[in-house]
């Protein structure tokens, strides 16, 4: 049986999940794929940058606290790369610090706290990937 979410994702909706902990990225991957999104995984900042440069996703869910290169640095490098299209980035963290303002300063589009409220996360993902068309935008 094929799972068909009420607000199905477009076949073009590719999400890159970046987290150094397998438990975290597998959980995010499972939830997002059950909603019809295509999910790719990177387990560190360098792998995330390589993936983004070779095949830019439609959205990045990026853990802030990772060894070697944290989520802020990954975001900064993505935003500084003029060869990349604009890619929305949602930073994810389980810590009370850093603040959302620090994420916005480096170019992030949003901030999700752990433990993740998956209903809220999916609302944010849908709002970014499938914005509502208003009467003003119709031809």
C-alpha atoms as a PDB file:
ATOM      1  CA  UNK A   1       0.000   0.000   0.000  1.00  0.00           C
ATOM      2  CA  UNK A   2       1.321   3.439  -0.922  1.00  0.00           C
ATOM      3  CA  UNK A   3       1.130   6.144   1.743  1.00  0.00           C
ATOM      4  CA  UNK A   4      -0.503   9.224   0.267  1.00  0.00           C
ATOM      5  CA  UNK A   5      -0.309  12.238   2.608  1.00  0.00           C
ATOM      6  CA  UNK A   6      -3.141  14.737   2.415  1.00  0.00           C
ATOM      7  CA  UNK A   7      -0.734  17.447   1.314  1.00  0.00           C
ATOM      8  CA  UNK A   8       1.594  15.362  -0.820  1.00  0.00           C
ATOM      9  CA  UNK A   9       5.052  16.647  -1.511  1.00  0.00           C
ATOM     10  CA  UNK A  10       6.057  17.437  -5.054  1.00  0.00           C
ATOM     11  CA  UNK A  11       8.479  15.011  -6.666  1.00  0.00           C
ATOM     12  CA  UNK A  12      10.970  17.895  -6.735  1.00  0.00           C
ATOM     13  CA  UNK A  13      10.918  18.378  -2.955  1.00  0.00           C
ATOM     14  CA  UNK A  14      14.354  17.150  -1.921  1.00  0.00           C
ATOM     15  CA  UNK A  15      15.476  17.732   1.654  1.00  0.00           C
ATOM     16  CA  UNK A  16      19.043  17.380   2.865  1.00  0.00           C
ATOM     17  CA  UNK A  17      19.177  16.366   6.544  1.00  0.00           C
ATOM     18  CA  UNK A  18      22.532  17.105   8.168  1.00  0.00           C
ATOM     19  CA  UNK A  19      23.249  15.636  11.609  1.00  0.00           C
ATOM     20  CA  UNK A  20      26.207  13.786  13.067  1.00  0.00           C
ATOM     21  CA  UNK A  21      24.001  11.429  15.127  1.00  0.00           C
ATOM     22  CA  UNK A  22      22.399   8.499  13.255  1.00  0.00           C
ATOM     23  CA  UNK A  23      19.425   8.351  15.654  1.00  0.00           C
ATOM     24  CA  UNK A  24      18.564  11.954  14.797  1.00  0.00           C
ATOM     25  CA  UNK A  25      18.908  11.767  11.035  1.00  0.00           C
ATOM     26  CA  UNK A  26      17.131   8.405  10.746  1.00  0.00           C
ATOM     27  CA  UNK A  27      14.162   9.769  12.711  1.00  0.00           C
ATOM     28  CA  UNK A  28      13.976  12.916  10.563  1.00  0.00           C
ATOM     29  CA  UNK A  29      14.369  10.853   7.394  1.00  0.00           C
ATOM     30  CA  UNK A  30      11.551   8.500   8.426  1.00  0.00           C
ATOM     31  CA  UNK A  31       9.127  11.314   9.258  1.00  0.00           C
ATOM     32  CA  UNK A  32       9.901  13.320   6.116  1.00  0.00           C
ATOM     33  CA  UNK A  33       9.796  10.330   3.756  1.00  0.00           C
ATOM     34  CA  UNK A  34       6.428   9.286   5.228  1.00  0.00           C
ATOM     35  CA  UNK A  35       5.165  12.703   4.051  1.00  0.00           C
ATOM     36  CA  UNK A  36       6.433  12.062   0.520  1.00  0.00           C
ATOM     37  CA  UNK A  37       9.668  14.052   0.589  1.00  0.00           C
ATOM     38  CA  UNK A  38      12.879  12.743  -0.951  1.00  0.00           C
ATOM     39  CA  UNK A  39      15.505  12.806   1.817  1.00  0.00           C
ATOM     40  CA  UNK A  40      19.265  12.739   1.559  1.00  0.00           C
ATOM     41  CA  UNK A  41      21.587  12.476   4.542  1.00  0.00           C
ATOM     42  CA  UNK A  42      24.942  14.067   5.339  1.00  0.00           C
ATOM     43  CA  UNK A  43      26.573  13.208   8.669  1.00  0.00           C
ATOM     44  CA  UNK A  44      28.970  16.159   8.842  1.00  0.00           C
ATOM     45  CA  UNK A  45      29.469  19.676   7.540  1.00  0.00           C
ATOM     46  CA  UNK A  46      31.956  18.787   4.815  1.00  0.00           C
ATOM     47  CA  UNK A  47      29.658  16.085   3.416  1.00  0.00           C
ATOM     48  CA  UNK A  48      26.759  18.551   3.512  1.00  0.00           C
ATOM     49  CA  UNK A  49      28.710  21.136   1.510  1.00  0.00           C
ATOM     50  CA  UNK A  50      29.768  18.529  -1.063  1.00  0.00           C
ATOM     51  CA  UNK A  51      26.170  17.333  -1.444  1.00  0.00           C
ATOM     52  CA  UNK A  52      24.805  20.869  -1.782  1.00  0.00           C
ATOM     53  CA  UNK A  53      27.419  21.784  -4.397  1.00  0.00           C
ATOM     54  CA  UNK A  54      26.883  18.640  -6.481  1.00  0.00           C
ATOM     55  CA  UNK A  55      23.066  18.510  -6.312  1.00  0.00           C
ATOM     56  CA  UNK A  56      21.430  21.437  -4.463  1.00  0.00           C
ATOM     57  CA  UNK A  57      18.381  20.335  -2.448  1.00  0.00           C
ATOM     58  CA  UNK A  58      15.139  22.282  -2.078  1.00  0.00           C
ATOM     59  CA  UNK A  59      15.593  22.590   1.707  1.00  0.00           C
ATOM     60  CA  UNK A  60      18.304  21.860   4.285  1.00  0.00           C
ATOM     61  CA  UNK A  61      17.620  20.752   7.879  1.00  0.00           C
ATOM     62  CA  UNK A  62      20.947  21.420   9.546  1.00  0.00           C
ATOM     63  CA  UNK A  63      22.066  20.465  13.049  1.00  0.00           C
ATOM     64  CA  UNK A  64      23.904  23.319  14.748  1.00  0.00           C
ATOM     65  CA  UNK A  65      26.198  21.359  17.058  1.00  0.00           C
ATOM     66  CA  UNK A  66      28.459  19.077  15.025  1.00  0.00           C
ATOM     67  CA  UNK A  67      32.169  18.323  15.379  1.00  0.00           C
ATOM     68  CA  UNK A  68      34.725  19.979  13.078  1.00  0.00           C
ATOM     69  CA  UNK A  69      32.273  22.270  11.237  1.00  0.00           C
ATOM     70  CA  UNK A  70      29.122  23.412  13.011  1.00  0.00           C
ATOM     71  CA  UNK A  71      25.833  24.314  11.376  1.00  0.00           C
ATOM     72  CA  UNK A  72      26.558  28.036  11.499  1.00  0.00           C
ATOM     73  CA  UNK A  73      29.744  27.586   9.486  1.00  0.00           C
ATOM     74  CA  UNK A  74      27.988  25.322   6.968  1.00  0.00           C
ATOM     75  CA  UNK A  75      25.233  27.935   6.567  1.00  0.00           C
ATOM     76  CA  UNK A  76      27.784  30.722   6.179  1.00  0.00           C
ATOM     77  CA  UNK A  77      29.652  28.800   3.464  1.00  0.00           C
ATOM     78  CA  UNK A  78      26.472  27.978   1.565  1.00  0.00           C
ATOM     79  CA  UNK A  79      25.355  31.615   1.637  1.00  0.00           C
ATOM     80  CA  UNK A  80      28.803  32.812   0.485  1.00  0.00           C
ATOM     81  CA  UNK A  81      28.858  30.457  -2.515  1.00  0.00           C
ATOM     82  CA  UNK A  82      27.478  32.576  -5.357  1.00  0.00           C
ATOM     83  CA  UNK A  83      27.347  29.517  -7.655  1.00  0.00           C
ATOM     84  CA  UNK A  84      24.519  28.018  -5.569  1.00  0.00           C
ATOM     85  CA  UNK A  85      20.854  28.896  -5.960  1.00  0.00           C
ATOM     86  CA  UNK A  86      19.058  30.164  -2.866  1.00  0.00           C
ATOM     87  CA  UNK A  87      18.326  27.169  -0.613  1.00  0.00           C
ATOM     88  CA  UNK A  88      16.185  27.585   2.517  1.00  0.00           C
ATOM     89  CA  UNK A  89      18.009  26.411   5.659  1.00  0.00           C
ATOM     90  CA  UNK A  90      16.343  25.427   8.939  1.00  0.00           C
ATOM     91  CA  UNK A  91      18.824  25.078  11.798  1.00  0.00           C
ATOM     92  CA  UNK A  92      18.095  22.358  14.366  1.00  0.00           C
ATOM     93  CA  UNK A  93      19.497  22.261  17.906  1.00  0.00           C
ATOM     94  CA  UNK A  94      18.899  20.666  21.272  1.00  0.00           C
ATOM     95  CA  UNK A  95      20.680  23.405  23.179  1.00  0.00           C
ATOM     96  CA  UNK A  96      19.188  26.572  24.648  1.00  0.00           C
ATOM     97  CA  UNK A  97      22.209  28.384  23.241  1.00  0.00           C
ATOM     98  CA  UNK A  98      22.779  29.459  20.471  1.00  0.00           C
ATOM     99  CA  UNK A  99      19.939  31.877  19.914  1.00  0.00           C
ATOM    100  CA  UNK A 100      17.823  32.062  16.767  1.00  0.00           C
ATOM    101  CA  UNK A 101      19.295  35.514  16.109  1.00  0.00           C
ATOM    102  CA  UNK A 102      22.737  33.930  15.686  1.00  0.00           C
ATOM    103  CA  UNK A 103      21.280  31.595  13.063  1.00  0.00           C
ATOM    104  CA  UNK A 104      19.612  34.446  11.190  1.00  0.00           C
ATOM    105  CA  UNK A 105      22.894  36.391  11.283  1.00  0.00           C
ATOM    106  CA  UNK A 106      24.611  33.681   9.211  1.00  0.00           C
ATOM    107  CA  UNK A 107      21.706  33.381   6.768  1.00  0.00           C
ATOM    108  CA  UNK A 108      19.422  30.687   8.177  1.00  0.00           C
ATOM    109  CA  UNK A 109      15.709  30.897   7.437  1.00  0.00           C
ATOM    110  CA  UNK A 110      14.448  29.341  10.636  1.00  0.00           C
ATOM    111  CA  UNK A 111      15.297  27.578  13.855  1.00  0.00           C
ATOM    112  CA  UNK A 112      13.857  24.309  15.204  1.00  0.00           C
ATOM    113  CA  UNK A 113      14.493  23.197  18.805  1.00  0.00           C
ATOM    114  CA  UNK A 114      14.980  19.597  19.920  1.00  0.00           C
ATOM    115  CA  UNK A 115      13.105  17.635  21.005  1.00  0.00           C
ATOM    116  CA  UNK A 116      11.471  18.272  17.675  1.00  0.00           C
ATOM    117  CA  UNK A 117       7.744  18.901  17.517  1.00  0.00           C
ATOM    118  CA  UNK A 118       7.175  17.033  14.246  1.00  0.00           C
ATOM    119  CA  UNK A 119       3.821  18.700  13.531  1.00  0.00           C
ATOM    120  CA  UNK A 120       5.530  22.101  13.789  1.00  0.00           C
ATOM    121  CA  UNK A 121       8.492  20.902  11.714  1.00  0.00           C
ATOM    122  CA  UNK A 122       6.212  19.617   8.947  1.00  0.00           C
ATOM    123  CA  UNK A 123       4.242  22.879   8.973  1.00  0.00           C
ATOM    124  CA  UNK A 124       7.487  24.818   8.510  1.00  0.00           C
ATOM    125  CA  UNK A 125       8.697  22.478   5.752  1.00  0.00           C
ATOM    126  CA  UNK A 126       5.373  22.745   3.895  1.00  0.00           C
ATOM    127  CA  UNK A 127       5.329  26.537   4.253  1.00  0.00           C
ATOM    128  CA  UNK A 128       8.808  26.756   2.724  1.00  0.00           C
ATOM    129  CA  UNK A 129       8.415  24.170  -0.029  1.00  0.00           C
ATOM    130  CA  UNK A 130       4.770  24.636  -0.934  1.00  0.00           C
ATOM    131  CA  UNK A 131       3.827  28.255  -0.321  1.00  0.00           C
ATOM    132  CA  UNK A 132       0.142  28.993  -0.686  1.00  0.00           C
ATOM    133  CA  UNK A 133      -0.865  30.774  -3.856  1.00  0.00           C
ATOM    134  CA  UNK A 134      -2.996  33.818  -3.142  1.00  0.00           C
ATOM    135  CA  UNK A 135      -5.411  35.544  -5.489  1.00  0.00           C
ATOM    136  CA  UNK A 136      -2.868  38.340  -5.958  1.00  0.00           C
ATOM    137  CA  UNK A 137      -0.347  35.895  -7.416  1.00  0.00           C
ATOM    138  CA  UNK A 138      -2.706  34.320  -9.937  1.00  0.00           C
ATOM    139  CA  UNK A 139      -2.620  35.388 -13.579  1.00  0.00           C
END
